[in-house]
C-alpha atoms as a PDB file:
ATOM      1  CA  UNK A   1     -23.281  14.999   9.379  1.00  0.00           C
ATOM      2  CA  UNK A   2     -21.159  11.995   8.577  1.00  0.00           C
ATOM      3  CA  UNK A   3     -20.327   9.453  11.057  1.00  0.00           C
ATOM      4  CA  UNK A   4     -16.603   9.742  12.390  1.00  0.00           C
ATOM      5  CA  UNK A   5     -16.364   5.850  12.832  1.00  0.00           C
ATOM      6  CA  UNK A   6     -17.446   5.427   9.280  1.00  0.00           C
ATOM      7  CA  UNK A   7     -14.451   7.197   7.770  1.00  0.00           C
ATOM      8  CA  UNK A   8     -12.253   4.152   7.742  1.00  0.00           C
ATOM      9  CA  UNK A   9     -14.690   1.787   5.994  1.00  0.00           C
ATOM     10  CA  UNK A  10     -15.449   4.613   3.611  1.00  0.00           C
ATOM     11  CA  UNK A  11     -11.795   5.081   2.794  1.00  0.00           C
ATOM     12  CA  UNK A  12     -11.348   1.459   1.996  1.00  0.00           C
ATOM     13  CA  UNK A  13     -14.540   1.500  -0.151  1.00  0.00           C
ATOM     14  CA  UNK A  14     -13.116   4.531  -2.221  1.00  0.00           C
ATOM     15  CA  UNK A  15      -9.980   2.570  -3.201  1.00  0.00           C
ATOM     16  CA  UNK A  16     -11.936  -0.484  -3.743  1.00  0.00           C
ATOM     17  CA  UNK A  17     -14.229   1.351  -6.312  1.00  0.00           C
ATOM     18  CA  UNK A  18     -11.465   3.133  -7.591  1.00  0.00           C
ATOM     19  CA  UNK A  19      -9.663   0.040  -8.733  1.00  0.00           C
ATOM     20  CA  UNK A  20     -12.799  -1.246 -10.264  1.00  0.00           C
ATOM     21  CA  UNK A  21     -12.916   1.863 -12.224  1.00  0.00           C
ATOM     22  CA  UNK A  22      -9.378   1.309 -13.529  1.00  0.00           C
ATOM     23  CA  UNK A  23     -10.291  -2.152 -14.551  1.00  0.00           C
ATOM     24  CA  UNK A  24     -13.244  -0.784 -16.437  1.00  0.00           C
ATOM     25  CA  UNK A  25     -11.036   1.862 -18.287  1.00  0.00           C
ATOM     26  CA  UNK A  26      -8.818  -1.037 -19.192  1.00  0.00           C
ATOM     27  CA  UNK A  27     -11.593  -3.013 -20.891  1.00  0.00           C
ATOM     28  CA  UNK A  28     -13.013  -0.029 -22.454  1.00  0.00           C
ATOM     29  CA  UNK A  29      -9.331   1.147 -23.898  1.00  0.00           C
ATOM     30  CA  UNK A  30      -9.047  -2.453 -25.332  1.00  0.00           C
ATOM     31  CA  UNK A  31     -12.786  -2.787 -26.325  1.00  0.00           C
ATOM     32  CA  UNK A  32     -12.146  -4.658 -29.733  1.00  0.00           C
ATOM     33  CA  UNK A  33     -10.595  -7.491 -27.716  1.00  0.00           C
ATOM     34  CA  UNK A  34     -13.057  -7.081 -24.829  1.00  0.00           C
ATOM     35  CA  UNK A  35     -15.992  -7.411 -27.300  1.00  0.00           C
ATOM     36  CA  UNK A  36     -14.592 -10.839 -28.514  1.00  0.00           C
ATOM     37  CA  UNK A  37     -14.775 -12.241 -25.071  1.00  0.00           C
ATOM     38  CA  UNK A  38     -17.435 -15.017 -24.496  1.00  0.00           C
ATOM     39  CA  UNK A  39     -20.778 -13.911 -22.903  1.00  0.00           C
ATOM     40  CA  UNK A  40     -20.524 -13.355 -19.250  1.00  0.00           C
ATOM     41  CA  UNK A  41     -16.843 -13.151 -19.274  1.00  0.00           C
ATOM     42  CA  UNK A  42     -16.808  -9.304 -18.379  1.00  0.00           C
ATOM     43  CA  UNK A  43     -18.501 -10.042 -15.174  1.00  0.00           C
ATOM     44  CA  UNK A  44     -16.108 -12.718 -14.619  1.00  0.00           C
ATOM     45  CA  UNK A  45     -13.321 -10.271 -14.939  1.00  0.00           C
ATOM     46  CA  UNK A  46     -14.359  -8.253 -11.989  1.00  0.00           C
ATOM     47  CA  UNK A  47     -15.211 -11.388 -10.109  1.00  0.00           C
ATOM     48  CA  UNK A  48     -11.625 -12.917 -10.460  1.00  0.00           C
ATOM     49  CA  UNK A  49      -9.912  -9.605  -9.615  1.00  0.00           C
ATOM     50  CA  UNK A  50     -11.998  -8.681  -6.594  1.00  0.00           C
ATOM     51  CA  UNK A  51      -9.903 -10.388  -4.015  1.00  0.00           C
ATOM     52  CA  UNK A  52      -6.690  -8.820  -5.485  1.00  0.00           C
ATOM     53  CA  UNK A  53      -8.393  -5.500  -5.814  1.00  0.00           C
ATOM     54  CA  UNK A  54      -9.502  -5.724  -1.911  1.00  0.00           C
ATOM     55  CA  UNK A  55      -6.060  -6.952  -1.066  1.00  0.00           C
ATOM     56  CA  UNK A  56      -4.415  -3.959  -2.829  1.00  0.00           C
ATOM     57  CA  UNK A  57      -6.910  -1.667  -1.253  1.00  0.00           C
ATOM     58  CA  UNK A  58      -5.847  -3.152   2.130  1.00  0.00           C
ATOM     59  CA  UNK A  59      -2.144  -2.493   1.502  1.00  0.00           C
ATOM     60  CA  UNK A  60      -2.834   1.294   0.536  1.00  0.00           C
ATOM     61  CA  UNK A  61      -5.082   1.431   3.674  1.00  0.00           C
ATOM     62  CA  UNK A  62      -2.740   0.424   6.212  1.00  0.00           C
ATOM     63  CA  UNK A  63      -0.649   3.698   6.564  1.00  0.00           C
ATOM     64  CA  UNK A  64      -4.038   6.006   6.655  1.00  0.00           C
ATOM     65  CA  UNK A  65      -5.497   3.555   9.222  1.00  0.00           C
ATOM     66  CA  UNK A  66      -2.252   3.726  11.403  1.00  0.00           C
ATOM     67  CA  UNK A  67      -2.475   7.639  11.050  1.00  0.00           C
ATOM     68  CA  UNK A  68      -6.129   7.649  12.085  1.00  0.00           C
ATOM     69  CA  UNK A  69      -5.234   5.556  15.166  1.00  0.00           C
ATOM     70  CA  UNK A  70      -2.535   7.959  16.189  1.00  0.00           C
ATOM     71  CA  UNK A  71      -4.756  10.836  15.229  1.00  0.00           C
ATOM     72  CA  UNK A  72      -7.520   9.611  17.284  1.00  0.00           C
ATOM     73  CA  UNK A  73      -5.439   9.705  20.500  1.00  0.00           C
ATOM     74  CA  UNK A  74      -4.716  13.270  19.881  1.00  0.00           C
ATOM     75  CA  UNK A  75      -6.612  16.347  20.604  1.00  0.00           C
ATOM     76  CA  UNK A  76      -9.011  17.343  17.687  1.00  0.00           C
ATOM     77  CA  UNK A  77      -6.766  20.323  16.629  1.00  0.00           C
ATOM     78  CA  UNK A  78      -3.806  17.992  16.220  1.00  0.00           C
ATOM     79  CA  UNK A  79      -5.434  15.382  14.067  1.00  0.00           C
ATOM     80  CA  UNK A  80      -3.369  14.957  10.920  1.00  0.00           C
ATOM     81  CA  UNK A  81      -6.124  15.586   8.311  1.00  0.00           C
ATOM     82  CA  UNK A  82      -3.889  17.173   5.956  1.00  0.00           C
ATOM     83  CA  UNK A  83      -1.107  14.296   6.024  1.00  0.00           C
ATOM     84  CA  UNK A  84      -4.197  11.752   5.133  1.00  0.00           C
ATOM     85  CA  UNK A  85      -5.272  13.957   2.420  1.00  0.00           C
ATOM     86  CA  UNK A  86      -1.664  14.310   1.156  1.00  0.00           C
ATOM     87  CA  UNK A  87      -1.165  10.744   1.079  1.00  0.00           C
ATOM     88  CA  UNK A  88      -4.263   9.984  -0.714  1.00  0.00           C
ATOM     89  CA  UNK A  89      -3.561  12.482  -3.409  1.00  0.00           C
ATOM     90  CA  UNK A  90      -0.121  11.137  -4.075  1.00  0.00           C
ATOM     91  CA  UNK A  91      -1.172   7.659  -4.197  1.00  0.00           C
ATOM     92  CA  UNK A  92      -4.040   8.402  -6.474  1.00  0.00           C
ATOM     93  CA  UNK A  93      -1.652  10.198  -8.879  1.00  0.00           C
ATOM     94  CA  UNK A  94       0.478   7.132  -8.793  1.00  0.00           C
ATOM     95  CA  UNK A  95      -2.272   4.676  -9.189  1.00  0.00           C
ATOM     96  CA  UNK A  96      -3.799   6.803 -12.160  1.00  0.00           C
ATOM     97  CA  UNK A  97      -0.439   7.093 -13.958  1.00  0.00           C
ATOM     98  CA  UNK A  98       0.449   3.384 -13.539  1.00  0.00           C
ATOM     99  CA  UNK A  99      -3.167   2.602 -14.961  1.00  0.00           C
ATOM    100  CA  UNK A 100      -2.417   4.796 -18.072  1.00  0.00           C
ATOM    101  CA  UNK A 101       0.830   3.136 -18.666  1.00  0.00           C
ATOM    102  CA  UNK A 102      -0.692  -0.252 -18.409  1.00  0.00           C
ATOM    103  CA  UNK A 103      -3.174   0.693 -21.052  1.00  0.00           C
ATOM    104  CA  UNK A 104      -0.800   1.256 -23.873  1.00  0.00           C
ATOM    105  CA  UNK A 105       1.917  -1.299 -22.458  1.00  0.00           C
ATOM    106  CA  UNK A 106      -0.668  -4.091 -23.231  1.00  0.00           C
ATOM    107  CA  UNK A 107      -1.495  -2.880 -26.555  1.00  0.00           C
ATOM    108  CA  UNK A 108       2.302  -2.421 -27.656  1.00  0.00           C
ATOM    109  CA  UNK A 109       3.770  -5.365 -25.952  1.00  0.00           C
ATOM    110  CA  UNK A 110       0.696  -7.736 -25.062  1.00  0.00           C
ATOM    111  CA  UNK A 111       1.532  -7.810 -21.381  1.00  0.00           C
ATOM    112  CA  UNK A 112       0.482  -6.118 -18.165  1.00  0.00           C
ATOM    113  CA  UNK A 113       2.597  -3.727 -16.041  1.00  0.00           C
ATOM    114  CA  UNK A 114       4.515  -5.932 -13.694  1.00  0.00           C
ATOM    115  CA  UNK A 115       8.225  -6.661 -14.474  1.00  0.00           C
ATOM    116  CA  UNK A 116       7.638  -6.551 -18.146  1.00  0.00           C
ATOM    117  CA  UNK A 117       9.356  -3.188 -18.824  1.00  0.00           C
ATOM    118  CA  UNK A 118      12.700  -4.534 -17.007  1.00  0.00           C
ATOM    119  CA  UNK A 119      12.856  -7.125 -19.976  1.00  0.00           C
ATOM    120  CA  UNK A 120      13.330  -4.005 -22.206  1.00  0.00           C
ATOM    121  CA  UNK A 121      15.931  -2.081 -20.525  1.00  0.00           C
ATOM    122  CA  UNK A 122      18.551  -4.024 -22.795  1.00  0.00           C
ATOM    123  CA  UNK A 123      16.589  -2.761 -25.805  1.00  0.00           C
ATOM    124  CA  UNK A 124      15.847   1.077 -25.564  1.00  0.00           C
ATOM    125  CA  UNK A 125      15.231   1.235 -29.101  1.00  0.00           C
ATOM    126  CA  UNK A 126      12.244  -0.983 -28.881  1.00  0.00           C
ATOM    127  CA  UNK A 127      11.080   0.896 -25.862  1.00  0.00           C
ATOM    128  CA  UNK A 128      11.433   4.323 -27.737  1.00  0.00           C
ATOM    129  CA  UNK A 129       9.588   3.061 -30.832  1.00  0.00           C
ATOM    130  CA  UNK A 130       6.822   1.649 -28.498  1.00  0.00           C
ATOM    131  CA  UNK A 131       6.463   4.980 -26.630  1.00  0.00           C
ATOM    132  CA  UNK A 132       6.797   6.968 -30.087  1.00  0.00           C
ATOM    133  CA  UNK A 133       3.633   5.089 -31.197  1.00  0.00           C
ATOM    134  CA  UNK A 134       1.355   5.616 -28.143  1.00  0.00           C
ATOM    135  CA  UNK A 135      -1.604   7.934 -28.630  1.00  0.00           C
ATOM    136  CA  UNK A 136      -0.376  10.489 -26.222  1.00  0.00           C
ATOM    137  CA  UNK A 137      -3.353  12.901 -26.386  1.00  0.00           C
ATOM    138  CA  UNK A 138      -5.940  10.041 -25.676  1.00  0.00           C
ATOM    139  CA  UNK A 139      -3.621   8.625 -22.849  1.00  0.00           C
ATOM    140  CA  UNK A 140      -3.223  12.260 -21.349  1.00  0.00           C
ATOM    141  CA  UNK A 141      -7.120  12.552 -21.478  1.00  0.00           C
ATOM    142  CA  UNK A 142      -7.538   9.414 -19.743  1.00  0.00           C
ATOM    143  CA  UNK A 143      -5.050  10.349 -17.079  1.00  0.00           C
ATOM    144  CA  UNK A 144      -6.873  13.650 -16.604  1.00  0.00           C
ATOM    145  CA  UNK A 145     -10.172  11.863 -16.415  1.00  0.00           C
ATOM    146  CA  UNK A 146      -8.968   9.367 -13.758  1.00  0.00           C
ATOM    147  CA  UNK A 147      -7.617  12.238 -11.671  1.00  0.00           C
ATOM    148  CA  UNK A 148     -10.747  14.259 -11.864  1.00  0.00           C
ATOM    149  CA  UNK A 149     -12.839  11.199 -11.357  1.00  0.00           C
ATOM    150  CA  UNK A 150     -10.685  10.224  -8.245  1.00  0.00           C
ATOM    151  CA  UNK A 151     -11.084  13.543  -6.677  1.00  0.00           C
ATOM    152  CA  UNK A 152     -14.898  13.660  -7.055  1.00  0.00           C
ATOM    153  CA  UNK A 153     -15.050  10.063  -5.822  1.00  0.00           C
ATOM    154  CA  UNK A 154     -13.034  10.854  -2.759  1.00  0.00           C
ATOM    155  CA  UNK A 155     -15.082  13.799  -1.905  1.00  0.00           C
ATOM    156  CA  UNK A 156     -18.355  11.794  -2.238  1.00  0.00           C
ATOM    157  CA  UNK A 157     -17.183   8.565  -0.570  1.00  0.00           C
ATOM    158  CA  UNK A 158     -14.681  10.006   2.006  1.00  0.00           C
ATOM    159  CA  UNK A 159     -14.955  13.680   2.434  1.00  0.00           C
ATOM    160  CA  UNK A 160     -13.699  15.512   5.431  1.00  0.00           C
ATOM    161  CA  UNK A 161     -12.990  13.849   8.885  1.00  0.00           C
ATOM    162  CA  UNK A 162     -15.919  14.596  11.270  1.00  0.00           C
ATOM    163  CA  UNK A 163     -15.167  15.640  14.797  1.00  0.00           C
ATOM    164  CA  UNK A 164     -15.856  13.002  17.400  1.00  0.00           C
ATOM    165  CA  UNK A 165     -19.398  12.901  18.867  1.00  0.00           C
ATOM    166  CA  UNK A 166     -19.933  14.806  22.112  1.00  0.00           C
ATOM    167  CA  UNK A 167     -18.842  12.921  25.362  1.00  0.00           C
ATOM    168  CA  UNK A 168     -17.105  10.262  23.414  1.00  0.00           C
ATOM    169  CA  UNK A 169     -13.837   9.770  24.709  1.00  0.00           C
ATOM    170  CA  UNK A 170     -10.560   9.416  22.760  1.00  0.00           C
ATOM    171  CA  UNK A 171      -9.759   6.113  24.279  1.00  0.00           C
ATOM    172  CA  UNK A 172     -12.961   4.683  22.757  1.00  0.00           C
ATOM    173  CA  UNK A 173     -11.941   6.368  19.605  1.00  0.00           C
ATOM    174  CA  UNK A 174      -8.538   4.764  19.425  1.00  0.00           C
ATOM    175  CA  UNK A 175     -10.136   1.385  20.125  1.00  0.00           C
ATOM    176  CA  UNK A 176     -12.517   1.597  17.285  1.00  0.00           C
ATOM    177  CA  UNK A 177      -9.680   2.687  14.901  1.00  0.00           C
ATOM    178  CA  UNK A 178      -7.486  -0.159  16.178  1.00  0.00           C
ATOM    179  CA  UNK A 179     -10.399  -2.634  15.258  1.00  0.00           C
ATOM    180  CA  UNK A 180     -10.810  -1.289  11.827  1.00  0.00           C
ATOM    181  CA  UNK A 181      -7.102  -1.647  11.461  1.00  0.00           C
ATOM    182  CA  UNK A 182      -7.195  -5.163  12.536  1.00  0.00           C
ATOM    183  CA  UNK A 183      -9.719  -6.189  10.157  1.00  0.00           C
ATOM    184  CA  UNK A 184      -7.331  -5.139   7.193  1.00  0.00           C
ATOM    185  CA  UNK A 185      -5.747  -8.544   7.866  1.00  0.00           C
ATOM    186  CA  UNK A 186      -8.577 -10.336   6.089  1.00  0.00           C
ATOM    187  CA  UNK A 187      -8.334  -8.458   2.823  1.00  0.00           C
ATOM    188  CA  UNK A 188      -4.642  -8.416   3.104  1.00  0.00           C
ATOM    189  CA  UNK A 189      -4.577 -12.137   3.051  1.00  0.00           C
ATOM    190  CA  UNK A 190      -7.086 -12.352   0.166  1.00  0.00           C
ATOM    191  CA  UNK A 191      -9.951 -13.564   2.469  1.00  0.00           C
ATOM    192  CA  UNK A 192     -10.335 -16.126   5.430  1.00  0.00           C
ATOM    193  CA  UNK A 193      -8.582 -18.971   3.644  1.00  0.00           C
ATOM    194  CA  UNK A 194      -5.291 -20.220   5.010  1.00  0.00           C
ATOM    195  CA  UNK A 195      -3.440 -19.216   2.038  1.00  0.00           C
ATOM    196  CA  UNK A 196      -2.809 -15.518   1.179  1.00  0.00           C
ATOM    197  CA  UNK A 197      -4.028 -14.054  -2.199  1.00  0.00           C
ATOM    198  CA  UNK A 198      -1.795 -14.100  -4.970  1.00  0.00           C
ATOM    199  CA  UNK A 199      -1.870 -13.646  -8.690  1.00  0.00           C
ATOM    200  CA  UNK A 200      -2.365 -17.397  -8.801  1.00  0.00           C
ATOM    201  CA  UNK A 201      -5.828 -17.075  -7.499  1.00  0.00           C
ATOM    202  CA  UNK A 202      -6.717 -15.595 -11.068  1.00  0.00           C
ATOM    203  CA  UNK A 203      -4.918 -18.220 -13.215  1.00  0.00           C
ATOM    204  CA  UNK A 204      -7.945 -20.189 -13.717  1.00  0.00           C
ATOM    205  CA  UNK A 205      -9.386 -17.579 -16.053  1.00  0.00           C
ATOM    206  CA  UNK A 206     -10.072 -18.679 -19.652  1.00  0.00           C
ATOM    207  CA  UNK A 207      -8.560 -15.530 -21.279  1.00  0.00           C
ATOM    208  CA  UNK A 208      -5.555 -13.285 -20.360  1.00  0.00           C
ATOM    209  CA  UNK A 209      -7.809 -10.230 -20.016  1.00  0.00           C
ATOM    210  CA  UNK A 210      -9.665 -12.204 -17.180  1.00  0.00           C
ATOM    211  CA  UNK A 211      -6.305 -12.326 -14.968  1.00  0.00           C
ATOM    212  CA  UNK A 212      -6.569  -8.450 -14.516  1.00  0.00           C
ATOM    213  CA  UNK A 213      -5.348  -6.918 -11.283  1.00  0.00           C
ATOM    214  CA  UNK A 214      -4.787  -3.269 -10.256  1.00  0.00           C
END
């Protein structure tokens, strides 16, 4: 049986691993460009983006961790398990959709998915032409693969929330949950440095592909 107090670390690990998988999907989709990178650059792609991956993971974990704190103070039958599962499912679909959109956006425009589409709102013809040239069947297959992989990964890494151990009061459970919530401050800031993590932390990369973020 899984430990109740490992749920929050496992939840954080799930999103961190999932972001790494989406980064790998991007590199595979753009394999011709990836193959042209210097030796060792692929490893540096993940290294450069790890702090941003952890920061994004922390942002996505704040609400579930808060819900877990509240749920730990409630009787077991009132624990909001379905709310946590619903939130995770919705965010998983959103992340997968943005990932797939980003794949073809970079192919068509040479930019990642940030504010770039806003530049094309005044040029709907260009946007339509770009969308029309997208390999929709391939992108749909990738989206389905990411969703299935995310579901499987959630089952393996997170799974159902175990009950509290016998003779373990709700007060101690709340205290442990609050501690995990407080620890999110470190990845939210991008580490223990005085300055929070931003996209500038990756700008020293020698190639645009090395500045990847989720």
